[in-house]
Amino acid sequence: MIRKSGLWWLRDGKILLCRTRKNSGRLILPGGKIEAGETPEAALRRELAEELSGVVCGEAVLLGEYEDQTGTEGSAIHIWLFRAQMTGDPSPQGEVKELVWFDPRTDDCSQLAPSIRNQILPRLYPPASGAADHRE
């Protein structure tokens, strides 16, 4: 099982998602794999520093844990999903090829990784009190 930390960042009802240089197909959450001995929050902070230029990550709050298939045959993922007070205007760096402000009301949800489409969106969108838009 793949263990990852991810960021749930909403702005004006849109979710920040990304495409990586390795797999530019499906949209995924900013964040990444948890390394040995690392907490999910520490992994989130490290990954955001590696992937998003121009932002500062403030206090992080765990929204929940989610499991699903990755989209690769027989591969599963466990995601610790956080919201955080983010300041700045993100731009891609490192493994991230593209950032997308995704609007589930109008954009094509078939572009989403299975964990976002099947588990996370149905529970957190439209924004509820714990996952409300957080602005700079």
C-alpha atoms as a PDB file:
ATOM      1  CA  MET A   1       0.000   0.000   0.000  1.00  0.00           C
ATOM      2  CA  ILE A   2       1.238   3.472  -0.900  1.00  0.00           C
ATOM      3  CA  ARG A   3       1.121   5.942   2.019  1.00  0.00           C
ATOM      4  CA  LYS A   4       0.765   9.622   1.150  1.00  0.00           C
ATOM      5  CA  SER A   5      -0.091  12.974   2.678  1.00  0.00           C
ATOM      6  CA  GLY A   6      -2.204  15.362   0.648  1.00  0.00           C
ATOM      7  CA  LEU A   7      -3.342  18.978   0.814  1.00  0.00           C
ATOM      8  CA  TRP A   8      -6.992  20.048   0.480  1.00  0.00           C
ATOM      9  CA  TRP A   9      -6.729  23.700  -0.593  1.00  0.00           C
ATOM     10  CA  LEU A  10      -9.917  25.430  -1.683  1.00  0.00           C
ATOM     11  CA  ARG A  11     -10.093  28.869  -3.195  1.00  0.00           C
ATOM     12  CA  ASP A  12     -13.380  30.274  -4.508  1.00  0.00           C
ATOM     13  CA  GLY A  13     -14.872  26.763  -4.559  1.00  0.00           C
ATOM     14  CA  LYS A  14     -11.977  25.356  -6.610  1.00  0.00           C
ATOM     15  CA  ILE A  15      -9.524  22.706  -5.409  1.00  0.00           C
ATOM     16  CA  LEU A  16      -5.796  22.975  -6.059  1.00  0.00           C
ATOM     17  CA  LEU A  17      -4.678  19.817  -7.886  1.00  0.00           C
ATOM     18  CA  CYS A  18      -1.595  18.925  -9.886  1.00  0.00           C
ATOM     19  CA  ARG A  19      -0.127  16.754 -12.604  1.00  0.00           C
ATOM     20  CA  THR A  20       3.339  15.342 -12.107  1.00  0.00           C
ATOM     21  CA  ARG A  21       6.145  15.024 -14.618  1.00  0.00           C
ATOM     22  CA  LYS A  22       6.053  11.208 -14.204  1.00  0.00           C
ATOM     23  CA  ASN A  23       2.346  10.847 -14.905  1.00  0.00           C
ATOM     24  CA  SER A  24       0.787  13.870 -16.551  1.00  0.00           C
ATOM     25  CA  GLY A  25      -2.585  12.118 -16.929  1.00  0.00           C
ATOM     26  CA  ARG A  26      -4.677  12.157 -13.763  1.00  0.00           C
ATOM     27  CA  LEU A  27      -5.001  15.112 -11.431  1.00  0.00           C
ATOM     28  CA  ILE A  28      -3.776  14.432  -7.900  1.00  0.00           C
ATOM     29  CA  LEU A  29      -3.517  16.329  -4.621  1.00  0.00           C
ATOM     30  CA  PRO A  30      -0.389  18.319  -3.826  1.00  0.00           C
ATOM     31  CA  GLY A  31       1.664  16.257  -1.381  1.00  0.00           C
ATOM     32  CA  GLY A  32       3.400  12.935  -1.623  1.00  0.00           C
ATOM     33  CA  LYS A  33       4.787   9.760  -0.144  1.00  0.00           C
ATOM     34  CA  ILE A  34       5.553   9.473   3.543  1.00  0.00           C
ATOM     35  CA  GLU A  35       9.155   8.443   4.144  1.00  0.00           C
ATOM     36  CA  ALA A  36      10.280   5.994   6.845  1.00  0.00           C
ATOM     37  CA  GLY A  37      10.182   7.617  10.286  1.00  0.00           C
ATOM     38  CA  GLU A  38       8.234  10.630   9.018  1.00  0.00           C
ATOM     39  CA  THR A  39       4.838  11.724  10.323  1.00  0.00           C
ATOM     40  CA  PRO A  40       2.067  12.431   7.802  1.00  0.00           C
ATOM     41  CA  GLU A  41       2.196  16.168   8.641  1.00  0.00           C
ATOM     42  CA  ALA A  42       5.994  16.318   8.289  1.00  0.00           C
ATOM     43  CA  ALA A  43       5.693  14.572   4.911  1.00  0.00           C
ATOM     44  CA  LEU A  44       3.081  17.102   3.805  1.00  0.00           C
ATOM     45  CA  ARG A  45       5.303  20.054   4.732  1.00  0.00           C
ATOM     46  CA  ARG A  46       8.359  18.523   3.031  1.00  0.00           C
ATOM     47  CA  GLU A  47       6.439  17.660  -0.135  1.00  0.00           C
ATOM     48  CA  LEU A  48       4.791  21.084  -0.376  1.00  0.00           C
ATOM     49  CA  ALA A  49       8.199  22.760  -0.053  1.00  0.00           C
ATOM     50  CA  GLU A  50       9.483  20.526  -2.881  1.00  0.00           C
ATOM     51  CA  GLU A  51       6.428  20.875  -5.178  1.00  0.00           C
ATOM     52  CA  LEU A  52       4.940  24.356  -4.686  1.00  0.00           C
ATOM     53  CA  SER A  53       6.955  27.497  -5.182  1.00  0.00           C
ATOM     54  CA  GLY A  54       5.730  30.828  -3.828  1.00  0.00           C
ATOM     55  CA  VAL A  55       3.677  29.571  -0.873  1.00  0.00           C
ATOM     56  CA  VAL A  56       4.034  29.219   2.870  1.00  0.00           C
ATOM     57  CA  CYS A  57       2.235  26.436   4.741  1.00  0.00           C
ATOM     58  CA  GLY A  58       0.827  27.493   8.101  1.00  0.00           C
ATOM     59  CA  GLU A  59      -1.066  25.409  10.638  1.00  0.00           C
ATOM     60  CA  ALA A  60      -2.194  22.045   9.226  1.00  0.00           C
ATOM     61  CA  VAL A  61      -5.310  20.194  10.391  1.00  0.00           C
ATOM     62  CA  LEU A  62      -6.031  16.551   9.580  1.00  0.00           C
ATOM     63  CA  LEU A  63      -9.376  16.265   7.753  1.00  0.00           C
ATOM     64  CA  GLY A  64      -9.355  12.477   7.532  1.00  0.00           C
ATOM     65  CA  GLU A  65      -7.795   9.357   6.104  1.00  0.00           C
ATOM     66  CA  TYR A  66      -8.895   7.823   2.808  1.00  0.00           C
ATOM     67  CA  GLU A  67      -8.146   4.577   0.971  1.00  0.00           C
ATOM     68  CA  ASP A  68      -8.769   3.609  -2.632  1.00  0.00           C
ATOM     69  CA  GLN A  69      -7.114   2.112  -5.694  1.00  0.00           C
ATOM     70  CA  THR A  70      -4.470   4.215  -7.425  1.00  0.00           C
ATOM     71  CA  GLY A  71      -5.675   3.517 -10.929  1.00  0.00           C
ATOM     72  CA  THR A  72      -2.763   1.129 -11.474  1.00  0.00           C
ATOM     73  CA  GLU A  73      -3.853  -2.502 -11.476  1.00  0.00           C
ATOM     74  CA  GLY A  74      -3.777  -3.942  -7.955  1.00  0.00           C
ATOM     75  CA  SER A  75      -2.217  -0.894  -6.293  1.00  0.00           C
ATOM     76  CA  ALA A  76      -3.843   0.754  -3.268  1.00  0.00           C
ATOM     77  CA  ILE A  77      -3.267   4.117  -1.595  1.00  0.00           C
ATOM     78  CA  HIS A  78      -3.810   5.443   1.928  1.00  0.00           C
ATOM     79  CA  ILE A  79      -4.008   9.254   2.120  1.00  0.00           C
ATOM     80  CA  TRP A  80      -3.784  11.448   5.198  1.00  0.00           C
ATOM     81  CA  LEU A  81      -5.628  14.554   4.003  1.00  0.00           C
ATOM     82  CA  PHE A  82      -4.870  17.939   5.563  1.00  0.00           C
ATOM     83  CA  ARG A  83      -6.127  21.447   5.139  1.00  0.00           C
ATOM     84  CA  ALA A  84      -3.659  24.173   5.981  1.00  0.00           C
ATOM     85  CA  GLN A  85      -3.512  27.921   6.096  1.00  0.00           C
ATOM     86  CA  MET A  86      -1.649  28.665   2.885  1.00  0.00           C
ATOM     87  CA  THR A  87      -0.328  32.048   1.863  1.00  0.00           C
ATOM     88  CA  GLY A  88       1.074  33.063  -1.483  1.00  0.00           C
ATOM     89  CA  ASP A  89       0.379  32.174  -5.081  1.00  0.00           C
ATOM     90  CA  PRO A  90       1.512  28.624  -5.913  1.00  0.00           C
ATOM     91  CA  SER A  91       3.525  27.698  -8.963  1.00  0.00           C
ATOM     92  CA  PRO A  92       4.795  24.216  -9.878  1.00  0.00           C
ATOM     93  CA  GLN A  93       8.314  23.063  -9.168  1.00  0.00           C
ATOM     94  CA  GLY A  94      10.169  19.773  -8.753  1.00  0.00           C
ATOM     95  CA  GLU A  95       8.079  16.754  -9.783  1.00  0.00           C
ATOM     96  CA  VAL A  96       4.985  18.882 -10.428  1.00  0.00           C
ATOM     97  CA  LYS A  97       4.437  19.738 -14.077  1.00  0.00           C
ATOM     98  CA  GLU A  98       1.150  21.652 -13.804  1.00  0.00           C
ATOM     99  CA  LEU A  99      -1.166  23.130 -11.167  1.00  0.00           C
ATOM    100  CA  VAL A 100      -4.910  23.250 -11.799  1.00  0.00           C
ATOM    101  CA  TRP A 101      -7.635  25.034  -9.840  1.00  0.00           C
ATOM    102  CA  PHE A 102     -10.271  22.351 -10.379  1.00  0.00           C
ATOM    103  CA  ASP A 103     -13.992  23.148 -10.161  1.00  0.00           C
ATOM    104  CA  PRO A 104     -15.999  19.957  -9.522  1.00  0.00           C
ATOM    105  CA  ARG A 105     -19.166  21.808 -10.564  1.00  0.00           C
ATOM    106  CA  THR A 106     -17.960  22.363 -14.133  1.00  0.00           C
ATOM    107  CA  ASP A 107     -14.712  20.459 -14.797  1.00  0.00           C
ATOM    108  CA  ASP A 108     -14.402  16.857 -16.025  1.00  0.00           C
ATOM    109  CA  CYS A 109     -14.160  14.590 -12.955  1.00  0.00           C
ATOM    110  CA  SER A 110     -12.833  11.720 -15.090  1.00  0.00           C
ATOM    111  CA  GLN A 111      -9.445  13.559 -14.930  1.00  0.00           C
ATOM    112  CA  LEU A 112      -9.259  12.940 -11.162  1.00  0.00           C
ATOM    113  CA  ALA A 113      -7.308  10.205  -9.406  1.00  0.00           C
ATOM    114  CA  PRO A 114      -9.725   7.529  -8.109  1.00  0.00           C
ATOM    115  CA  SER A 115      -9.164   8.455  -4.449  1.00  0.00           C
ATOM    116  CA  ILE A 116     -10.255  12.053  -5.090  1.00  0.00           C
ATOM    117  CA  ARG A 117     -13.206  11.134  -7.304  1.00  0.00           C
ATOM    118  CA  ASN A 118     -14.496   8.168  -5.247  1.00  0.00           C
ATOM    119  CA  GLN A 119     -13.621   9.033  -1.642  1.00  0.00           C
ATOM    120  CA  ILE A 120     -12.594  12.635  -1.029  1.00  0.00           C
ATOM    121  CA  LEU A 121     -14.964  14.711  -3.195  1.00  0.00           C
ATOM    122  CA  PRO A 122     -18.128  12.917  -2.028  1.00  0.00           C
ATOM    123  CA  ARG A 123     -17.179  13.622   1.599  1.00  0.00           C
ATOM    124  CA  LEU A 124     -15.736  17.141   1.377  1.00  0.00           C
ATOM    125  CA  TYR A 125     -17.383  18.858  -1.565  1.00  0.00           C
ATOM    126  CA  PRO A 126     -19.360  21.053  -1.587  1.00  0.00           C
ATOM    127  CA  PRO A 127     -17.317  22.714   1.140  1.00  0.00           C
ATOM    128  CA  ALA A 128     -18.500  21.971   4.663  1.00  0.00           C
ATOM    129  CA  SER A 129     -17.495  23.632   7.902  1.00  0.00           C
ATOM    130  CA  GLY A 130     -14.290  21.595   8.356  1.00  0.00           C
ATOM    131  CA  ALA A 131     -13.180  21.947   4.743  1.00  0.00           C
ATOM    132  CA  ALA A 132     -14.318  25.473   3.928  1.00  0.00           C
ATOM    133  CA  ASP A 133     -12.436  27.769   1.615  1.00  0.00           C
ATOM    134  CA  HIS A 134      -9.290  29.083   3.230  1.00  0.00           C
ATOM    135  CA  ARG A 135      -7.865  32.210   1.776  1.00  0.00           C
ATOM    136  CA  GLU A 136      -4.712  34.150   2.293  1.00  0.00           C
END
